């Protein structure tokens, strides 16, 4: 069974997430991971 959020629920989540990030994330920070892609 597949359950999805409504467009309004997605909008609300994005707003709450943005507010949280503005409160807890410094203006400048280091990213301590990397990604790699291999085409075989």
PDB file of N, CA and C in Angstrom:
ATOM      1  N   UNK A   1       0.840  -1.179   0.000  1.00  0.00           N
ATOM      2  CA  UNK A   1       0.000   0.000   0.000  1.00  0.00           C
ATOM      3  C   UNK A   1       0.888   1.246   0.000  1.00  0.00           C
ATOM      4  N   UNK A   2       0.592   2.172  -0.851  1.00  0.00           N
ATOM      5  CA  UNK A   2       1.371   3.406  -0.978  1.00  0.00           C
ATOM      6  C   UNK A   2       0.559   4.566  -0.419  1.00  0.00           C
ATOM      7  N   UNK A   3       1.143   5.290   0.541  1.00  0.00           N
ATOM      8  CA  UNK A   3       0.473   6.444   1.140  1.00  0.00           C
ATOM      9  C   UNK A   3       1.333   7.667   0.875  1.00  0.00           C
ATOM     10  N   UNK A   4       0.721   8.727   0.408  1.00  0.00           N
ATOM     11  CA  UNK A   4       1.459   9.940   0.090  1.00  0.00           C
ATOM     12  C   UNK A   4       0.863  11.126   0.848  1.00  0.00           C
ATOM     13  N   UNK A   5       1.685  12.133   1.052  1.00  0.00           N
ATOM     14  CA  UNK A   5       1.210  13.366   1.668  1.00  0.00           C
ATOM     15  C   UNK A   5       0.478  14.211   0.637  1.00  0.00           C
ATOM     16  N   UNK A   6      -0.484  14.993   1.112  1.00  0.00           N
ATOM     17  CA  UNK A   6      -1.155  15.940   0.223  1.00  0.00           C
ATOM     18  C   UNK A   6      -0.189  17.095  -0.076  1.00  0.00           C
ATOM     19  N   UNK A   7      -0.517  17.892  -1.069  1.00  0.00           N
ATOM     20  CA  UNK A   7       0.329  19.051  -1.383  1.00  0.00           C
ATOM     21  C   UNK A   7       0.417  20.000  -0.190  1.00  0.00           C
ATOM     22  N   UNK A   8      -0.672  20.170   0.537  1.00  0.00           N
ATOM     23  CA  UNK A   8      -0.681  21.043   1.719  1.00  0.00           C
ATOM     24  C   UNK A   8       0.208  20.478   2.821  1.00  0.00           C
ATOM     25  N   UNK A   9       0.170  19.173   3.049  1.00  0.00           N
ATOM     26  CA  UNK A   9       1.022  18.549   4.058  1.00  0.00           C
ATOM     27  C   UNK A   9       2.500  18.678   3.689  1.00  0.00           C
ATOM     28  N   UNK A  10       2.813  18.544   2.419  1.00  0.00           N
ATOM     29  CA  UNK A  10       4.200  18.722   1.956  1.00  0.00           C
ATOM     30  C   UNK A  10       4.641  20.158   2.189  1.00  0.00           C
ATOM     31  N   UNK A  11       3.789  21.115   1.854  1.00  0.00           N
ATOM     32  CA  UNK A  11       4.117  22.534   2.050  1.00  0.00           C
ATOM     33  C   UNK A  11       4.372  22.827   3.526  1.00  0.00           C
ATOM     34  N   UNK A  12       3.510  22.296   4.406  1.00  0.00           N
ATOM     35  CA  UNK A  12       3.676  22.512   5.844  1.00  0.00           C
ATOM     36  C   UNK A  12       4.977  21.887   6.339  1.00  0.00           C
ATOM     37  N   UNK A  13       5.277  20.672   5.868  1.00  0.00           N
ATOM     38  CA  UNK A  13       6.513  20.004   6.292  1.00  0.00           C
ATOM     39  C   UNK A  13       7.727  20.813   5.846  1.00  0.00           C
ATOM     40  N   UNK A  14       7.707  21.295   4.607  1.00  0.00           N
ATOM     41  CA  UNK A  14       8.838  22.082   4.106  1.00  0.00           C
ATOM     42  C   UNK A  14       9.029  23.355   4.931  1.00  0.00           C
ATOM     43  N   UNK A  15       7.947  24.014   5.309  1.00  0.00           N
ATOM     44  CA  UNK A  15       8.055  25.224   6.127  1.00  0.00           C
ATOM     45  C   UNK A  15       8.646  24.906   7.500  1.00  0.00           C
ATOM     46  N   UNK A  16       8.153  23.837   8.131  1.00  0.00           N
ATOM     47  CA  UNK A  16       8.665  23.456   9.447  1.00  0.00           C
ATOM     48  C   UNK A  16      10.137  23.053   9.369  1.00  0.00           C
ATOM     49  N   UNK A  17      10.507  22.326   8.319  1.00  0.00           N
ATOM     50  CA  UNK A  17      11.889  21.886   8.143  1.00  0.00           C
ATOM     51  C   UNK A  17      12.811  23.086   7.943  1.00  0.00           C
ATOM     52  N   UNK A  18      12.392  24.033   7.144  1.00  0.00           N
ATOM     53  CA  UNK A  18      13.192  25.239   6.907  1.00  0.00           C
ATOM     54  C   UNK A  18      13.384  26.015   8.196  1.00  0.00           C
ATOM     55  N   UNK A  19      12.323  26.180   8.995  1.00  0.00           N
ATOM     56  CA  UNK A  19      12.446  26.881  10.283  1.00  0.00           C
ATOM     57  C   UNK A  19      13.418  26.162  11.211  1.00  0.00           C
ATOM     58  N   UNK A  20      13.330  24.843  11.270  1.00  0.00           N
ATOM     59  CA  UNK A  20      14.230  24.068  12.120  1.00  0.00           C
ATOM     60  C   UNK A  20      15.682  24.268  11.683  1.00  0.00           C
ATOM     61  N   UNK A  21      15.938  24.162  10.374  1.00  0.00           N
ATOM     62  CA  UNK A  21      17.298  24.335   9.881  1.00  0.00           C
ATOM     63  C   UNK A  21      17.835  25.728  10.199  1.00  0.00           C
ATOM     64  N   UNK A  22      16.990  26.740  10.069  1.00  0.00           N
ATOM     65  CA  UNK A  22      17.426  28.108  10.384  1.00  0.00           C
ATOM     66  C   UNK A  22      17.813  28.245  11.856  1.00  0.00           C
ATOM     67  N   UNK A  23      17.188  27.459  12.725  1.00  0.00           N
ATOM     68  CA  UNK A  23      17.471  27.525  14.160  1.00  0.00           C
ATOM     69  C   UNK A  23      18.714  26.726  14.551  1.00  0.00           C
ATOM     70  N   UNK A  24      18.961  25.571  13.927  1.00  0.00           N
ATOM     71  CA  UNK A  24      19.994  24.662  14.436  1.00  0.00           C
ATOM     72  C   UNK A  24      21.250  24.573  13.581  1.00  0.00           C
ATOM     73  N   UNK A  25      21.209  25.080  12.357  1.00  0.00           N
ATOM     74  CA  UNK A  25      22.365  24.940  11.465  1.00  0.00           C
ATOM     75  C   UNK A  25      23.115  26.271  11.401  1.00  0.00           C
ATOM     76  N   UNK A  26      24.424  26.250  11.645  1.00  0.00           N
ATOM     77  CA  UNK A  26      25.189  27.498  11.541  1.00  0.00           C
ATOM     78  C   UNK A  26      25.235  27.989  10.093  1.00  0.00           C
ATOM     79  N   UNK A  27      25.568  29.268   9.925  1.00  0.00           N
ATOM     80  CA  UNK A  27      25.635  29.844   8.579  1.00  0.00           C
ATOM     81  C   UNK A  27      26.686  29.162   7.712  1.00  0.00           C
ATOM     82  N   UNK A  28      27.767  28.691   8.346  1.00  0.00           N
ATOM     83  CA  UNK A  28      28.848  28.064   7.610  1.00  0.00           C
ATOM     84  C   UNK A  28      29.231  26.769   8.311  1.00  0.00           C
ATOM     85  N   UNK A  29      29.400  25.687   7.552  1.00  0.00           N
ATOM     86  CA  UNK A  29      29.755  24.403   8.152  1.00  0.00           C
ATOM     87  C   UNK A  29      30.468  23.533   7.134  1.00  0.00           C
ATOM     88  N   UNK A  30      31.207  22.544   7.629  1.00  0.00           N
ATOM     89  CA  UNK A  30      31.911  21.595   6.767  1.00  0.00           C
ATOM     90  C   UNK A  30      31.029  20.378   6.509  1.00  0.00           C
ATOM     91  N   UNK A  31      31.095  19.869   5.301  1.00  0.00           N
ATOM     92  CA  UNK A  31      30.387  18.636   4.962  1.00  0.00           C
ATOM     93  C   UNK A  31      31.406  17.509   5.065  1.00  0.00           C
ATOM     94  N   UNK A  32      31.165  16.576   5.983  1.00  0.00           N
ATOM     95  CA  UNK A  32      32.153  15.552   6.308  1.00  0.00           C
ATOM     96  C   UNK A  32      31.864  14.228   5.607  1.00  0.00           C
ATOM     97  N   UNK A  33      31.256  14.263   4.453  1.00  0.00           N
ATOM     98  CA  UNK A  33      31.014  13.044   3.689  1.00  0.00           C
ATOM     99  C   UNK A  33      31.155  13.371   2.202  1.00  0.00           C
ATOM    100  N   UNK A  34      31.140  12.354   1.391  1.00  0.00           N
ATOM    101  CA  UNK A  34      31.239  12.565  -0.044  1.00  0.00           C
ATOM    102  C   UNK A  34      30.417  11.505  -0.759  1.00  0.00           C
ATOM    103  N   UNK A  35      30.173  11.740  -1.997  1.00  0.00           N
ATOM    104  CA  UNK A  35      29.465  10.749  -2.814  1.00  0.00           C
ATOM    105  C   UNK A  35      30.326  10.350  -3.988  1.00  0.00           C
ATOM    106  N   UNK A  36      30.141   9.151  -4.445  1.00  0.00           N
ATOM    107  CA  UNK A  36      30.901   8.644  -5.589  1.00  0.00           C
ATOM    108  C   UNK A  36      29.952   7.889  -6.517  1.00  0.00           C
ATOM    109  N   UNK A  37      30.186   8.024  -7.797  1.00  0.00           N
ATOM    110  CA  UNK A  37      29.381   7.330  -8.789  1.00  0.00           C
ATOM    111  C   UNK A  37      30.333   6.542  -9.698  1.00  0.00           C
ATOM    112  N   UNK A  38      29.989   5.298  -9.925  1.00  0.00           N
ATOM    113  CA  UNK A  38      30.790   4.470 -10.831  1.00  0.00           C
ATOM    114  C   UNK A  38      29.888   3.973 -11.956  1.00  0.00           C
ATOM    115  N   UNK A  39      30.308   4.195 -13.165  1.00  0.00           N
ATOM    116  CA  UNK A  39      29.560   3.690 -14.310  1.00  0.00           C
ATOM    117  C   UNK A  39      30.304   2.453 -14.821  1.00  0.00           C
ATOM    118  N   UNK A  40      29.637   1.328 -14.768  1.00  0.00           N
ATOM    119  CA  UNK A  40      30.267   0.079 -15.167  1.00  0.00           C
ATOM    120  C   UNK A  40      29.761  -0.390 -16.519  1.00  0.00           C
TER     121      UNK A  40
END
